[in-house]
Structures are given as C-alpha cells and as structure tokens.
C-alpha cells in the first residue's frame, strides 16, 4: 500500500487532466489522510472547471465578430499616477486560446501577472505597446495622451487587427472598426490580456525609474499618489518625470 506521503506527492505532480484517474485509484482507501487529500484535489478540479467556464464567458465579445480574422483587445495603464508615462497595449489572441486566469490586471496578483505576461506575449498572434511620456501628458492632457498611446500600440503591431475591443472608450483617429466596452478588462479576454501586458510593462519601467529618481517610492507606488509619495513631493519636490499638470494642487503653487 502506498504511503500517504507517496500519494500526496503523486497528486501534487499530476496534471489536472490526470487527477480524476488518480482520485478514482485511491477512492477505496479508508485512511483519513488520504480522504483529506482526495477532497482537496476534488476542490482543485472544481476550481479549474469553474475557471474554464469563466474564460468561456470572457470570449463572449470576441465571438460576436466571427468574420474578423484578427480581433485586437486594447487597454491602458497609468492614467491616474502623478509621475511617469501612460502605457497602452493591443493584443490579438489566437482563436484557440488556452490561457486561463485573464482578468482586469488590478484583480490579478503581481506574481500571477508576471506569469501571464510571459504566456500572453509568447502565445499572442501579435501585440503592440504604446508609451506616451509625462511631457506629452502635460502638453495634450491625459485623455488625449491615452488615445495616442493606444494608436501607437496598434501602429506597432506586425499584424493589424480587423476589429478592436477597447476598454471603456472609442479611439479617435483610426479607421479599424471598434467597440468600446465598459469594464472591458473584466469582460473580454483580449482586453484583459492587453491590460496585463500594459501593466507589467509600465510597472517594470517605474521600478527602473525608482533607481534613477530615489526617494519617491516609484518601485512600490508606481507613481500613484500614495501618502509616502505625496509626502516626498512636499519635502523633496518634484523630479523630472512628475506630471506638472497633476501635482499643482499638492505643491500649492510651488
């Protein structure tokens, strides 16, 4: 008879598709330790099946356009921070996409975002990034800068989308058919994928900028207005990458 440790190791090493057969093999084992292990694995299978069902629903909008060979999801990150650029991404996922756990990047833990970033950029049919600096944000305002980042993201793609799914907005100045979806990063797999790639890209940029501009906690706050960041602004003053149009009220006209 296999030891409980051996059974635990086998279950841990098994793929989700192998688990049902393994559970069946140990079903008659009356040891309490084995029963607890099997209960936990049944829960893992149930969670996996629930995620499959959720992801099936996440492709609802993509399925509305069967005539489109390439559907691009677009999202941006960085409209709210006091410093740094705004970053947009456009992603075309394959028709047979098997990526799980796509969601609004703010709802995905950092470690999982990093894993998904690697999977998305590896499996995507194409993706593009657009980055608009703090100077341009101050010059043309954050909404127009966001549109520009989105246009850059589309323009940088090796394969252009036939149809676009965009988080919340419609992008001016492009001829590709598009649909704006409120909270699209939580409703469309393509937009969610773009959200994750954009956020990881920008977070990595802000972490690098933290070394160049220490004292503001950019690696931690990513340029957003945390209490520590605002206090640093008041004591140290702004640095080169701060958005002057965002910090005037904080500095009181300094």
C-alpha atoms as a PDB file:
ATOM      1  CA  UNK A   1       0.000   0.000   0.000  1.00  0.00           C
ATOM      2  CA  UNK A   2       1.290   3.449  -0.924  1.00  0.00           C
ATOM      3  CA  UNK A   3       2.182   5.713   1.969  1.00  0.00           C
ATOM      4  CA  UNK A   4       0.159   8.884   2.436  1.00  0.00           C
ATOM      5  CA  UNK A   5       3.257  10.901   1.569  1.00  0.00           C
ATOM      6  CA  UNK A   6       3.693   8.990  -1.693  1.00  0.00           C
ATOM      7  CA  UNK A   7       0.045   9.581  -2.576  1.00  0.00           C
ATOM      8  CA  UNK A   8       0.389  13.277  -1.738  1.00  0.00           C
ATOM      9  CA  UNK A   9       3.442  13.562  -3.980  1.00  0.00           C
ATOM     10  CA  UNK A  10       1.726  11.755  -6.853  1.00  0.00           C
ATOM     11  CA  UNK A  11      -1.310  14.003  -6.614  1.00  0.00           C
ATOM     12  CA  UNK A  12       0.854  17.113  -6.434  1.00  0.00           C
ATOM     13  CA  UNK A  13       2.838  16.127  -9.527  1.00  0.00           C
ATOM     14  CA  UNK A  14      -0.225  15.113 -11.562  1.00  0.00           C
ATOM     15  CA  UNK A  15      -1.670  17.404 -14.204  1.00  0.00           C
ATOM     16  CA  UNK A  16      -5.273  18.500 -13.811  1.00  0.00           C
ATOM     17  CA  UNK A  17      -6.269  16.041 -16.537  1.00  0.00           C
ATOM     18  CA  UNK A  18      -4.596  13.145 -14.714  1.00  0.00           C
ATOM     19  CA  UNK A  19      -6.250  13.854 -11.380  1.00  0.00           C
ATOM     20  CA  UNK A  20      -9.636  12.132 -11.921  1.00  0.00           C
ATOM     21  CA  UNK A  21      -7.974   8.794 -12.647  1.00  0.00           C
ATOM     22  CA  UNK A  22      -5.690   9.137  -9.636  1.00  0.00           C
ATOM     23  CA  UNK A  23      -8.602  10.060  -7.368  1.00  0.00           C
ATOM     24  CA  UNK A  24     -10.503   7.003  -8.612  1.00  0.00           C
ATOM     25  CA  UNK A  25      -7.481   4.806  -7.927  1.00  0.00           C
ATOM     26  CA  UNK A  26      -7.396   5.842  -4.259  1.00  0.00           C
ATOM     27  CA  UNK A  27     -11.160   6.164  -3.740  1.00  0.00           C
ATOM     28  CA  UNK A  28     -11.397   2.991  -1.664  1.00  0.00           C
ATOM     29  CA  UNK A  29      -8.565   3.967   0.690  1.00  0.00           C
ATOM     30  CA  UNK A  30     -10.170   4.448   4.131  1.00  0.00           C
ATOM     31  CA  UNK A  31      -7.293   6.350   5.740  1.00  0.00           C
ATOM     32  CA  UNK A  32      -8.349   9.817   6.894  1.00  0.00           C
ATOM     33  CA  UNK A  33      -5.182  11.384   5.493  1.00  0.00           C
ATOM     34  CA  UNK A  34      -5.942  10.000   2.048  1.00  0.00           C
ATOM     35  CA  UNK A  35      -9.568  11.136   2.230  1.00  0.00           C
ATOM     36  CA  UNK A  36      -8.425  14.688   3.034  1.00  0.00           C
ATOM     37  CA  UNK A  37      -6.006  14.652   0.106  1.00  0.00           C
ATOM     38  CA  UNK A  38      -8.703  13.487  -2.300  1.00  0.00           C
ATOM     39  CA  UNK A  39     -11.145  16.104  -1.026  1.00  0.00           C
ATOM     40  CA  UNK A  40      -8.575  18.816  -1.663  1.00  0.00           C
ATOM     41  CA  UNK A  41      -7.927  17.525  -5.182  1.00  0.00           C
ATOM     42  CA  UNK A  42     -11.643  17.415  -5.973  1.00  0.00           C
ATOM     43  CA  UNK A  43     -11.793  21.066  -4.970  1.00  0.00           C
ATOM     44  CA  UNK A  44      -8.857  21.777  -7.286  1.00  0.00           C
ATOM     45  CA  UNK A  45     -10.700  20.119 -10.174  1.00  0.00           C
ATOM     46  CA  UNK A  46     -13.870  22.083  -9.372  1.00  0.00           C
ATOM     47  CA  UNK A  47     -11.918  25.355  -9.303  1.00  0.00           C
ATOM     48  CA  UNK A  48     -10.296  24.511 -12.631  1.00  0.00           C
ATOM     49  CA  UNK A  49     -13.657  23.718 -14.224  1.00  0.00           C
ATOM     50  CA  UNK A  50     -15.083  26.971 -12.870  1.00  0.00           C
ATOM     51  CA  UNK A  51     -12.171  28.860 -14.423  1.00  0.00           C
ATOM     52  CA  UNK A  52     -12.759  27.149 -17.772  1.00  0.00           C
ATOM     53  CA  UNK A  53     -16.386  28.268 -17.630  1.00  0.00           C
ATOM     54  CA  UNK A  54     -15.378  31.823 -16.701  1.00  0.00           C
ATOM     55  CA  UNK A  55     -12.898  32.012 -19.559  1.00  0.00           C
ATOM     56  CA  UNK A  56     -15.513  30.715 -21.985  1.00  0.00           C
ATOM     57  CA  UNK A  57     -17.648  33.708 -20.994  1.00  0.00           C
ATOM     58  CA  UNK A  58     -14.631  36.018 -21.313  1.00  0.00           C
ATOM     59  CA  UNK A  59     -14.605  35.321 -25.060  1.00  0.00           C
ATOM     60  CA  UNK A  60     -18.228  36.428 -25.472  1.00  0.00           C
ATOM     61  CA  UNK A  61     -17.356  39.682 -27.251  1.00  0.00           C
ATOM     62  CA  UNK A  62     -14.719  38.050 -29.439  1.00  0.00           C
ATOM     63  CA  UNK A  63     -17.345  35.577 -30.668  1.00  0.00           C
ATOM     64  CA  UNK A  64     -19.625  38.429 -31.765  1.00  0.00           C
ATOM     65  CA  UNK A  65     -17.346  39.083 -34.744  1.00  0.00           C
ATOM     66  CA  UNK A  66     -16.763  35.710 -36.463  1.00  0.00           C
ATOM     67  CA  UNK A  67     -15.964  37.468 -39.731  1.00  0.00           C
ATOM     68  CA  UNK A  68     -12.914  39.172 -38.183  1.00  0.00           C
ATOM     69  CA  UNK A  69      -9.704  37.201 -38.648  1.00  0.00           C
ATOM     70  CA  UNK A  70      -7.839  39.232 -36.040  1.00  0.00           C
ATOM     71  CA  UNK A  71      -9.576  40.834 -33.056  1.00  0.00           C
ATOM     72  CA  UNK A  72      -7.413  43.153 -31.008  1.00  0.00           C
ATOM     73  CA  UNK A  73      -8.108  43.979 -27.379  1.00  0.00           C
ATOM     74  CA  UNK A  74      -6.818  47.336 -26.149  1.00  0.00           C
ATOM     75  CA  UNK A  75      -6.305  48.754 -22.676  1.00  0.00           C
ATOM     76  CA  UNK A  76      -4.124  51.329 -20.970  1.00  0.00           C
ATOM     77  CA  UNK A  77      -2.412  51.662 -17.626  1.00  0.00           C
ATOM     78  CA  UNK A  78      -1.243  54.815 -15.921  1.00  0.00           C
ATOM     79  CA  UNK A  79      -3.933  57.446 -16.347  1.00  0.00           C
ATOM     80  CA  UNK A  80      -4.015  58.236 -12.628  1.00  0.00           C
ATOM     81  CA  UNK A  81      -0.391  58.397 -11.435  1.00  0.00           C
ATOM     82  CA  UNK A  82       1.363  61.644 -10.557  1.00  0.00           C
ATOM     83  CA  UNK A  83       4.512  60.574 -12.394  1.00  0.00           C
ATOM     84  CA  UNK A  84       5.691  58.541 -15.359  1.00  0.00           C
ATOM     85  CA  UNK A  85       4.151  57.632 -18.700  1.00  0.00           C
ATOM     86  CA  UNK A  86       0.813  56.241 -19.745  1.00  0.00           C
ATOM     87  CA  UNK A  87       1.174  52.828 -21.415  1.00  0.00           C
ATOM     88  CA  UNK A  88      -1.278  51.115 -23.758  1.00  0.00           C
ATOM     89  CA  UNK A  89      -1.261  47.640 -25.247  1.00  0.00           C
ATOM     90  CA  UNK A  90      -3.135  45.933 -28.068  1.00  0.00           C
ATOM     91  CA  UNK A  91      -3.247  42.119 -28.106  1.00  0.00           C
ATOM     92  CA  UNK A  92      -4.559  39.668 -30.687  1.00  0.00           C
ATOM     93  CA  UNK A  93      -5.168  36.294 -29.037  1.00  0.00           C
ATOM     94  CA  UNK A  94      -5.312  33.087 -31.093  1.00  0.00           C
ATOM     95  CA  UNK A  95      -8.742  31.672 -31.921  1.00  0.00           C
ATOM     96  CA  UNK A  96      -7.928  28.538 -29.921  1.00  0.00           C
ATOM     97  CA  UNK A  97      -6.534  30.497 -26.968  1.00  0.00           C
ATOM     98  CA  UNK A  98      -5.978  28.314 -23.900  1.00  0.00           C
ATOM     99  CA  UNK A  99      -4.727  30.993 -21.495  1.00  0.00           C
ATOM    100  CA  UNK A 100      -6.550  30.886 -18.168  1.00  0.00           C
ATOM    101  CA  UNK A 101      -6.942  33.473 -15.386  1.00  0.00           C
ATOM    102  CA  UNK A 102      -7.110  36.511 -17.687  1.00  0.00           C
ATOM    103  CA  UNK A 103      -8.776  39.402 -15.883  1.00  0.00           C
ATOM    104  CA  UNK A 104      -8.532  43.103 -15.145  1.00  0.00           C
ATOM    105  CA  UNK A 105      -4.853  43.476 -14.240  1.00  0.00           C
ATOM    106  CA  UNK A 106      -5.771  45.193 -10.964  1.00  0.00           C
ATOM    107  CA  UNK A 107      -7.536  41.987  -9.901  1.00  0.00           C
ATOM    108  CA  UNK A 108      -4.545  39.748 -10.652  1.00  0.00           C
ATOM    109  CA  UNK A 109      -1.750  39.385  -8.050  1.00  0.00           C
ATOM    110  CA  UNK A 110       1.648  40.685  -9.150  1.00  0.00           C
ATOM    111  CA  UNK A 111       3.319  37.276  -9.341  1.00  0.00           C
ATOM    112  CA  UNK A 112       0.458  35.910 -11.456  1.00  0.00           C
ATOM    113  CA  UNK A 113       0.562  38.993 -13.702  1.00  0.00           C
ATOM    114  CA  UNK A 114       4.219  38.337 -14.410  1.00  0.00           C
ATOM    115  CA  UNK A 115       3.456  34.714 -15.316  1.00  0.00           C
ATOM    116  CA  UNK A 116       0.552  35.734 -17.529  1.00  0.00           C
ATOM    117  CA  UNK A 117       2.673  38.412 -19.217  1.00  0.00           C
ATOM    118  CA  UNK A 118       5.129  35.739 -20.335  1.00  0.00           C
ATOM    119  CA  UNK A 119       2.332  33.429 -21.501  1.00  0.00           C
ATOM    120  CA  UNK A 120       0.436  36.171 -23.347  1.00  0.00           C
ATOM    121  CA  UNK A 121       3.461  37.563 -25.157  1.00  0.00           C
ATOM    122  CA  UNK A 122       4.520  34.033 -26.129  1.00  0.00           C
ATOM    123  CA  UNK A 123       1.128  32.825 -27.379  1.00  0.00           C
ATOM    124  CA  UNK A 124      -0.374  36.011 -28.843  1.00  0.00           C
ATOM    125  CA  UNK A 125      -0.785  36.230 -32.605  1.00  0.00           C
ATOM    126  CA  UNK A 126       0.551  39.767 -32.243  1.00  0.00           C
ATOM    127  CA  UNK A 127       0.798  42.523 -29.679  1.00  0.00           C
ATOM    128  CA  UNK A 128       1.920  46.130 -29.617  1.00  0.00           C
ATOM    129  CA  UNK A 129       2.890  48.640 -26.940  1.00  0.00           C
ATOM    130  CA  UNK A 130       2.382  52.396 -26.937  1.00  0.00           C
ATOM    131  CA  UNK A 131       4.117  54.705 -24.442  1.00  0.00           C
ATOM    132  CA  UNK A 132       3.418  58.418 -24.030  1.00  0.00           C
ATOM    133  CA  UNK A 133       5.662  60.419 -21.727  1.00  0.00           C
ATOM    134  CA  UNK A 134       4.852  62.719 -18.850  1.00  0.00           C
ATOM    135  CA  UNK A 135       5.851  65.713 -21.010  1.00  0.00           C
ATOM    136  CA  UNK A 136       3.259  64.868 -23.637  1.00  0.00           C
ATOM    137  CA  UNK A 137       0.643  64.188 -20.952  1.00  0.00           C
ATOM    138  CA  UNK A 138       1.230  67.719 -19.621  1.00  0.00           C
ATOM    139  CA  UNK A 139       1.082  69.141 -23.131  1.00  0.00           C
ATOM    140  CA  UNK A 140      -2.063  67.488 -24.513  1.00  0.00           C
ATOM    141  CA  UNK A 141      -3.832  66.167 -21.328  1.00  0.00           C
ATOM    142  CA  UNK A 142      -4.134  62.605 -20.092  1.00  0.00           C
ATOM    143  CA  UNK A 143      -7.156  61.599 -22.179  1.00  0.00           C
ATOM    144  CA  UNK A 144      -5.533  62.647 -25.452  1.00  0.00           C
ATOM    145  CA  UNK A 145      -2.265  61.038 -24.322  1.00  0.00           C
ATOM    146  CA  UNK A 146      -4.158  57.812 -23.654  1.00  0.00           C
ATOM    147  CA  UNK A 147      -5.622  57.862 -27.170  1.00  0.00           C
ATOM    148  CA  UNK A 148      -2.160  58.491 -28.589  1.00  0.00           C
ATOM    149  CA  UNK A 149      -0.686  55.555 -26.642  1.00  0.00           C
ATOM    150  CA  UNK A 150      -3.461  53.323 -27.991  1.00  0.00           C
ATOM    151  CA  UNK A 151      -2.821  54.458 -31.567  1.00  0.00           C
ATOM    152  CA  UNK A 152       0.892  53.799 -31.078  1.00  0.00           C
ATOM    153  CA  UNK A 153       0.152  50.306 -29.765  1.00  0.00           C
ATOM    154  CA  UNK A 154      -1.925  49.472 -32.846  1.00  0.00           C
ATOM    155  CA  UNK A 155       0.629  51.023 -35.174  1.00  0.00           C
ATOM    156  CA  UNK A 156       3.489  48.968 -33.736  1.00  0.00           C
ATOM    157  CA  UNK A 157       1.824  45.601 -34.424  1.00  0.00           C
ATOM    158  CA  UNK A 158       3.231  43.300 -37.098  1.00  0.00           C
ATOM    159  CA  UNK A 159      -0.289  42.003 -37.766  1.00  0.00           C
ATOM    160  CA  UNK A 160      -3.053  44.615 -37.704  1.00  0.00           C
ATOM    161  CA  UNK A 161      -6.459  43.829 -36.149  1.00  0.00           C
ATOM    162  CA  UNK A 162      -9.616  43.678 -38.287  1.00  0.00           C
ATOM    163  CA  UNK A 163     -11.714  44.701 -35.293  1.00  0.00           C
ATOM    164  CA  UNK A 164     -10.919  46.310 -31.963  1.00  0.00           C
ATOM    165  CA  UNK A 165     -12.364  45.770 -28.494  1.00  0.00           C
ATOM    166  CA  UNK A 166     -11.442  48.719 -26.294  1.00  0.00           C
ATOM    167  CA  UNK A 167     -11.766  49.194 -22.561  1.00  0.00           C
ATOM    168  CA  UNK A 168     -14.410  51.867 -21.935  1.00  0.00           C
ATOM    169  CA  UNK A 169     -13.548  54.309 -24.745  1.00  0.00           C
ATOM    170  CA  UNK A 170     -13.573  54.657 -28.511  1.00  0.00           C
ATOM    171  CA  UNK A 171     -10.288  55.737 -30.024  1.00  0.00           C
ATOM    172  CA  UNK A 172     -10.416  58.751 -32.361  1.00  0.00           C
ATOM    173  CA  UNK A 173      -8.280  58.869 -35.478  1.00  0.00           C
ATOM    174  CA  UNK A 174      -8.360  55.209 -36.504  1.00  0.00           C
ATOM    175  CA  UNK A 175     -10.304  53.511 -39.298  1.00  0.00           C
ATOM    176  CA  UNK A 176     -10.446  49.979 -37.853  1.00  0.00           C
ATOM    177  CA  UNK A 177     -13.963  49.102 -36.600  1.00  0.00           C
ATOM    178  CA  UNK A 178     -14.030  49.242 -32.821  1.00  0.00           C
ATOM    179  CA  UNK A 179     -16.291  48.635 -29.871  1.00  0.00           C
ATOM    180  CA  UNK A 180     -15.881  50.291 -26.502  1.00  0.00           C
ATOM    181  CA  UNK A 181     -16.844  48.056 -23.576  1.00  0.00           C
ATOM    182  CA  UNK A 182     -17.395  49.459 -20.093  1.00  0.00           C
ATOM    183  CA  UNK A 183     -15.171  47.499 -17.671  1.00  0.00           C
ATOM    184  CA  UNK A 184     -13.980  45.582 -20.703  1.00  0.00           C
ATOM    185  CA  UNK A 185     -10.835  44.374 -18.935  1.00  0.00           C
ATOM    186  CA  UNK A 186     -13.112  42.203 -16.754  1.00  0.00           C
ATOM    187  CA  UNK A 187     -15.399  41.121 -19.604  1.00  0.00           C
ATOM    188  CA  UNK A 188     -13.174  40.468 -22.625  1.00  0.00           C
ATOM    189  CA  UNK A 189     -10.218  38.086 -22.693  1.00  0.00           C
ATOM    190  CA  UNK A 190      -8.429  40.189 -25.307  1.00  0.00           C
ATOM    191  CA  UNK A 191      -8.800  43.416 -23.331  1.00  0.00           C
ATOM    192  CA  UNK A 192      -7.771  41.637 -20.116  1.00  0.00           C
ATOM    193  CA  UNK A 193      -4.643  40.332 -21.835  1.00  0.00           C
ATOM    194  CA  UNK A 194      -3.820  43.857 -23.020  1.00  0.00           C
ATOM    195  CA  UNK A 195      -4.401  45.184 -19.508  1.00  0.00           C
ATOM    196  CA  UNK A 196      -1.934  42.700 -18.043  1.00  0.00           C
ATOM    197  CA  UNK A 197       0.782  43.314 -20.642  1.00  0.00           C
ATOM    198  CA  UNK A 198       0.398  47.099 -20.303  1.00  0.00           C
ATOM    199  CA  UNK A 199       0.562  46.974 -16.507  1.00  0.00           C
ATOM    200  CA  UNK A 200       3.598  44.700 -16.318  1.00  0.00           C
ATOM    201  CA  UNK A 201       5.358  46.855 -18.924  1.00  0.00           C
ATOM    202  CA  UNK A 202       4.671  50.072 -17.020  1.00  0.00           C
ATOM    203  CA  UNK A 203       5.416  48.570 -13.590  1.00  0.00           C
ATOM    204  CA  UNK A 204       8.819  47.437 -14.832  1.00  0.00           C
ATOM    205  CA  UNK A 205       9.516  50.912 -16.207  1.00  0.00           C
ATOM    206  CA  UNK A 206       8.616  52.557 -12.898  1.00  0.00           C
ATOM    207  CA  UNK A 207      10.793  50.114 -10.971  1.00  0.00           C
ATOM    208  CA  UNK A 208      13.751  51.079 -13.182  1.00  0.00           C
ATOM    209  CA  UNK A 209      12.938  54.771 -12.758  1.00  0.00           C
ATOM    210  CA  UNK A 210      12.965  54.325  -8.974  1.00  0.00           C
ATOM    211  CA  UNK A 211      16.714  53.726  -9.153  1.00  0.00           C
ATOM    212  CA  UNK A 212      17.179  56.921 -11.182  1.00  0.00           C
ATOM    213  CA  UNK A 213      14.854  59.021  -9.040  1.00  0.00           C
ATOM    214  CA  UNK A 214      15.091  57.657  -5.463  1.00  0.00           C
ATOM    215  CA  UNK A 215      13.032  58.935  -2.582  1.00  0.00           C
ATOM    216  CA  UNK A 216       9.555  58.792  -4.107  1.00  0.00           C
ATOM    217  CA  UNK A 217       9.000  55.035  -3.816  1.00  0.00           C
ATOM    218  CA  UNK A 218       8.285  54.542  -7.518  1.00  0.00           C
ATOM    219  CA  UNK A 219       9.147  50.832  -7.320  1.00  0.00           C
ATOM    220  CA  UNK A 220       6.374  50.416  -4.769  1.00  0.00           C
ATOM    221  CA  UNK A 221       3.737  53.002  -5.717  1.00  0.00           C
ATOM    222  CA  UNK A 222       4.416  53.034  -9.497  1.00  0.00           C
ATOM    223  CA  UNK A 223       3.908  56.793  -9.492  1.00  0.00           C
ATOM    224  CA  UNK A 224       0.455  56.768  -7.900  1.00  0.00           C
ATOM    225  CA  UNK A 225      -0.322  59.240  -5.145  1.00  0.00           C
ATOM    226  CA  UNK A 226       0.343  57.183  -2.048  1.00  0.00           C
ATOM    227  CA  UNK A 227       0.742  59.004   1.251  1.00  0.00           C
ATOM    228  CA  UNK A 228       4.501  58.411   1.182  1.00  0.00           C
ATOM    229  CA  UNK A 229       4.757  59.669  -2.392  1.00  0.00           C
ATOM    230  CA  UNK A 230       2.822  62.855  -1.623  1.00  0.00           C
ATOM    231  CA  UNK A 231       4.944  63.488   1.471  1.00  0.00           C
ATOM    232  CA  UNK A 232       8.096  63.060  -0.618  1.00  0.00           C
ATOM    233  CA  UNK A 233       6.746  65.520  -3.168  1.00  0.00           C
ATOM    234  CA  UNK A 234       6.245  68.099  -0.437  1.00  0.00           C
ATOM    235  CA  UNK A 235       9.640  67.572   1.173  1.00  0.00           C
ATOM    236  CA  UNK A 236      11.894  66.759  -1.782  1.00  0.00           C
ATOM    237  CA  UNK A 237       9.934  68.488  -4.519  1.00  0.00           C
ATOM    238  CA  UNK A 238       9.096  67.067  -7.941  1.00  0.00           C
ATOM    239  CA  UNK A 239      11.557  65.211 -10.117  1.00  0.00           C
ATOM    240  CA  UNK A 240      11.906  65.184 -13.885  1.00  0.00           C
ATOM    241  CA  UNK A 241       9.188  62.581 -14.544  1.00  0.00           C
ATOM    242  CA  UNK A 242       6.433  64.129 -12.425  1.00  0.00           C
ATOM    243  CA  UNK A 243       3.376  65.325 -14.328  1.00  0.00           C
ATOM    244  CA  UNK A 244       3.227  69.038 -13.590  1.00  0.00           C
ATOM    245  CA  UNK A 245      -0.435  69.189 -14.593  1.00  0.00           C
ATOM    246  CA  UNK A 246      -1.210  66.599 -11.876  1.00  0.00           C
ATOM    247  CA  UNK A 247       0.735  67.932  -8.886  1.00  0.00           C
ATOM    248  CA  UNK A 248      -0.061  71.644  -8.772  1.00  0.00           C
ATOM    249  CA  UNK A 249      -2.681  71.316  -6.046  1.00  0.00           C
ATOM    250  CA  UNK A 250      -0.355  69.143  -3.962  1.00  0.00           C
ATOM    251  CA  UNK A 251       2.500  71.627  -4.111  1.00  0.00           C
ATOM    252  CA  UNK A 252       0.248  74.647  -3.600  1.00  0.00           C
ATOM    253  CA  UNK A 253       1.720  76.640  -6.449  1.00  0.00           C
ATOM    254  CA  UNK A 254       5.379  75.860  -5.689  1.00  0.00           C
END
